[in-house]
Amino acid sequence: MAPADGDLLARLRAGEQQAFRELVGAYQGAMRAVAWAIVGASLADEVVQDAWLAVVRHLDGFQERASLKTWLLTITANTAKSRLRQIRQEVSLEDLPAPHGSIDDARFAADGHWSPAPFAWHEDSPEALLAEEELRECLEKTLLSLSEMQRSVVLLRERQGLALEDICNLLGLSLSNVRVLLHRGRLKLFATLEHFEETGQC
């Protein structure tokens, strides 16, 4: 565990309320993304609530073999999968059609990041700052337009920085399916970015 994890864990076990608020603030988004991917939007919040209850119940039993984040997301994934079994639904991507274009798209480096990086919107003028805010709103709209699983994979990778293998384990997907979902999501975000650069509009 990272030193910061150890400090936070000690405060949590001491019952410090501020530590719990920090924990929720840091990981609620990632937990919801995992739950959303497994059970869908309608049940995601319930799953996260159940996961937090499990976290509180089992906090003293956490053996610190993994990071606090990994432990939280694993509990969330297990809670979501349990809920999914209860309602007898299945999440399967085996019948995904082939993606349009190659996953080895020249716009992405071997590690999956932009290559070259997208145009940077970091200038200090009011006009530039307004454009940056408008671009952020456009990208958020595009994220919301993605399928639940696609959006979750993109958020877990890009916002939470999880490794592809960790996403596979949490969501119960093959590496190839995760790569497809991530690639498609990035292509849509990149198209939004290109359109905004050309027109200044979503």
Protein backbone atom coordinates (compact mmCIF):
# COMPACT_ATOMS: atom_id res chain seq x y z
CA MET A 1 0.00 0.00 0.00
CA ALA A 2 1.05 3.58 -0.59
CA PRO A 3 1.97 5.61 2.52
CA ALA A 4 -1.09 7.79 1.98
CA ASP A 5 -3.27 4.68 2.00
CA GLY A 6 -1.78 3.58 5.29
CA ASP A 7 -2.41 6.95 6.91
CA LEU A 8 -6.00 7.08 5.66
CA LEU A 9 -6.65 3.50 6.74
CA ALA A 10 -5.41 4.22 10.26
CA ARG A 11 -7.73 7.22 10.49
CA LEU A 12 -10.64 5.17 9.15
CA ARG A 13 -10.10 2.42 11.68
CA ALA A 14 -9.98 5.06 14.41
CA GLY A 15 -13.48 6.11 13.33
CA GLU A 16 -12.52 9.57 12.06
CA GLN A 17 -15.49 10.95 10.12
CA GLN A 18 -13.35 13.27 7.99
CA ALA A 19 -11.39 10.24 6.80
CA PHE A 20 -14.60 8.60 5.59
CA ARG A 21 -15.56 11.79 3.76
CA GLU A 22 -12.15 11.84 2.08
CA LEU A 23 -12.51 8.17 1.13
CA VAL A 24 -15.93 8.74 -0.44
CA GLY A 25 -14.76 11.85 -2.26
CA ALA A 26 -11.73 10.06 -3.69
CA TYR A 27 -13.32 6.80 -4.82
CA GLN A 28 -17.10 7.23 -5.20
CA GLY A 29 -16.76 8.07 -8.90
CA ALA A 30 -14.65 5.03 -9.70
CA MET A 31 -16.95 2.75 -7.71
CA ARG A 32 -19.98 4.07 -9.55
CA ALA A 33 -18.25 3.53 -12.91
CA VAL A 34 -17.60 -0.10 -12.01
CA ALA A 35 -21.16 -0.63 -10.78
CA TRP A 36 -22.61 1.14 -13.81
CA ALA A 37 -20.68 -1.11 -16.16
CA ILE A 38 -21.93 -4.29 -14.50
CA VAL A 39 -25.56 -3.58 -13.54
CA GLY A 40 -26.44 -0.45 -15.55
CA ALA A 41 -27.44 3.05 -14.53
CA SER A 42 -30.68 2.12 -12.79
CA LEU A 43 -28.99 -0.04 -10.15
CA ALA A 44 -25.53 1.53 -9.96
CA ASP A 45 -26.26 3.83 -7.02
CA GLU A 46 -27.83 1.00 -5.00
CA VAL A 47 -24.82 -1.20 -5.65
CA VAL A 48 -22.42 1.54 -4.55
CA GLN A 49 -24.40 2.05 -1.34
CA ASP A 50 -24.27 -1.69 -0.64
CA ALA A 51 -20.55 -1.69 -1.43
CA TRP A 52 -19.91 1.11 1.08
CA LEU A 53 -21.78 -0.89 3.73
CA ALA A 54 -19.55 -3.87 2.97
CA VAL A 55 -16.47 -1.65 3.20
CA VAL A 56 -17.47 -0.42 6.65
CA ARG A 57 -18.25 -3.97 7.83
CA HIS A 58 -14.96 -5.42 6.59
CA LEU A 59 -12.58 -2.51 7.16
CA ASP A 60 -10.88 -4.16 10.12
CA GLY A 61 -10.35 -7.31 8.07
CA PHE A 62 -8.61 -5.51 5.19
CA GLN A 63 -5.15 -7.12 5.07
CA GLU A 64 -3.50 -4.41 2.94
CA ARG A 65 -2.25 -6.82 0.28
CA ALA A 66 -3.58 -4.48 -2.40
CA SER A 67 -4.12 -0.74 -2.56
CA LEU A 68 -7.15 0.71 -0.84
CA LYS A 69 -8.51 1.70 -4.24
CA THR A 70 -8.18 -1.81 -5.65
CA TRP A 71 -9.89 -3.24 -2.56
CA LEU A 72 -12.79 -0.78 -2.84
CA LEU A 73 -13.29 -1.43 -6.53
CA THR A 74 -13.10 -5.19 -6.03
CA ILE A 75 -15.81 -5.01 -3.35
CA THR A 76 -17.91 -2.88 -5.70
CA ALA A 77 -17.47 -5.32 -8.59
CA ASN A 78 -18.33 -8.31 -6.39
CA THR A 79 -21.40 -6.52 -5.01
CA ALA A 80 -22.55 -5.64 -8.52
CA LYS A 81 -22.02 -9.19 -9.80
CA SER A 82 -23.96 -10.55 -6.84
CA ARG A 83 -26.82 -8.18 -7.62
CA LEU A 84 -26.67 -9.22 -11.26
CA ARG A 85 -27.00 -12.87 -10.31
CA GLN A 86 -29.99 -12.02 -8.15
CA ILE A 87 -31.87 -10.44 -11.03
CA ARG A 88 -30.68 -13.13 -13.45
CA GLN A 89 -29.20 -10.82 -16.03
CA GLU A 90 -26.04 -11.33 -17.98
CA VAL A 91 -23.51 -8.91 -19.41
CA SER A 92 -21.86 -10.35 -22.50
CA LEU A 93 -19.75 -8.74 -25.20
CA GLU A 94 -18.96 -11.89 -27.12
CA ASP A 95 -21.14 -10.79 -30.03
CA LEU A 96 -19.51 -7.38 -30.42
CA PRO A 97 -19.06 -6.58 -34.12
CA ALA A 98 -15.60 -5.70 -35.29
CA PRO A 99 -14.70 -2.05 -34.62
CA HIS A 100 -14.58 0.43 -37.44
CA GLY A 101 -10.95 0.97 -38.22
CA SER A 102 -7.96 -0.65 -36.60
CA ILE A 103 -7.37 -0.59 -32.87
CA ASP A 104 -3.80 0.25 -33.83
CA ASP A 105 -5.04 3.63 -35.07
CA ALA A 106 -2.12 6.00 -35.77
CA ARG A 107 -3.67 8.58 -33.46
CA PHE A 108 -2.85 6.38 -30.45
CA ALA A 109 0.54 5.32 -29.12
CA ALA A 110 1.36 1.73 -28.15
CA ASP A 111 0.43 2.45 -24.54
CA GLY A 112 -3.04 3.59 -25.62
CA HIS A 113 -2.54 7.31 -25.07
CA TRP A 114 -2.92 10.05 -27.69
CA SER A 115 -0.10 10.22 -30.25
CA PRO A 116 0.35 13.06 -30.92
CA ALA A 117 -1.45 14.71 -28.03
CA PRO A 118 -4.66 16.59 -28.89
CA PHE A 119 -4.49 20.33 -29.26
CA ALA A 120 -4.02 21.89 -25.83
CA TRP A 121 -6.64 24.43 -24.71
CA HIS A 122 -4.56 26.05 -21.99
CA GLU A 123 -4.27 29.76 -22.66
CA ASP A 124 -5.00 32.54 -20.22
CA SER A 125 -7.29 34.81 -22.24
CA PRO A 126 -11.00 34.90 -21.29
CA GLU A 127 -11.89 33.68 -24.77
CA ALA A 128 -9.56 30.69 -24.42
CA LEU A 129 -10.89 29.86 -20.96
CA LEU A 130 -14.47 30.02 -22.27
CA ALA A 131 -13.53 27.74 -25.16
CA GLU A 132 -11.95 25.30 -22.71
CA GLU A 133 -15.14 25.16 -20.66
CA GLU A 134 -17.27 24.69 -23.78
CA LEU A 135 -14.97 21.88 -24.96
CA ARG A 136 -15.25 20.18 -21.56
CA GLU A 137 -19.04 20.31 -21.84
CA CYS A 138 -18.89 18.83 -25.34
CA LEU A 139 -16.68 15.97 -24.17
CA GLU A 140 -18.99 15.29 -21.22
CA LYS A 141 -21.97 15.11 -23.60
CA THR A 142 -20.07 12.65 -25.75
CA LEU A 143 -19.25 10.53 -22.70
CA LEU A 144 -22.92 10.43 -21.75
CA SER A 145 -23.80 9.29 -25.27
CA LEU A 146 -21.58 6.20 -25.00
CA SER A 147 -22.99 2.83 -23.98
CA GLU A 148 -22.80 2.15 -20.26
CA MET A 149 -20.00 -0.39 -20.58
CA GLN A 150 -18.05 1.76 -23.03
CA ARG A 151 -18.34 4.83 -20.81
CA SER A 152 -17.27 2.87 -17.74
CA VAL A 153 -14.17 1.48 -19.44
CA VAL A 154 -13.18 4.95 -20.66
CA LEU A 155 -13.72 6.53 -17.24
CA LEU A 156 -11.84 3.80 -15.39
CA ARG A 157 -8.92 4.09 -17.80
CA GLU A 158 -8.75 7.82 -18.45
CA ARG A 159 -10.03 9.37 -15.20
CA GLN A 160 -9.07 6.71 -12.68
CA GLY A 161 -5.88 5.57 -14.39
CA LEU A 162 -6.57 1.85 -13.98
CA ALA A 163 -4.51 -0.64 -15.96
CA LEU A 164 -6.38 -2.55 -18.67
CA GLU A 165 -5.82 -5.81 -16.78
CA ASP A 166 -7.42 -4.32 -13.66
CA ILE A 167 -10.44 -3.20 -15.70
CA CYS A 168 -10.74 -6.71 -17.12
CA ASN A 169 -10.74 -8.21 -13.63
CA LEU A 170 -13.23 -5.72 -12.22
CA LEU A 171 -15.71 -5.93 -15.07
CA GLY A 172 -15.21 -9.59 -15.95
CA LEU A 173 -14.27 -8.81 -19.55
CA SER A 174 -11.58 -10.16 -21.82
CA LEU A 175 -8.64 -7.91 -22.65
CA SER A 176 -9.72 -7.78 -26.30
CA ASN A 177 -13.21 -6.57 -25.36
CA VAL A 178 -11.81 -3.90 -23.06
CA ARG A 179 -9.49 -2.72 -25.86
CA VAL A 180 -12.40 -2.55 -28.30
CA LEU A 181 -14.59 -0.60 -25.89
CA LEU A 182 -11.78 1.79 -25.00
CA HIS A 183 -10.83 2.31 -28.63
CA ARG A 184 -14.39 3.06 -29.72
CA GLY A 185 -14.93 5.46 -26.84
CA ARG A 186 -11.70 7.30 -27.56
CA LEU A 187 -12.55 7.59 -31.25
CA LYS A 188 -15.86 9.27 -30.41
CA LEU A 189 -14.16 11.65 -27.98
CA PHE A 190 -11.47 12.40 -30.56
CA ALA A 191 -14.13 13.12 -33.20
CA THR A 192 -15.80 15.55 -30.79
CA LEU A 193 -12.44 17.23 -30.17
CA GLU A 194 -11.65 17.53 -33.88
CA HIS A 195 -15.10 18.95 -34.62
CA PHE A 196 -14.75 21.50 -31.85
CA GLU A 197 -11.32 22.60 -33.10
CA GLU A 198 -12.75 23.11 -36.59
CA THR A 199 -16.07 24.76 -35.73
CA GLY A 200 -15.91 25.86 -32.08
CA GLN A 201 -19.14 23.91 -31.50
CA CYS A 202 -20.15 20.45 -30.26
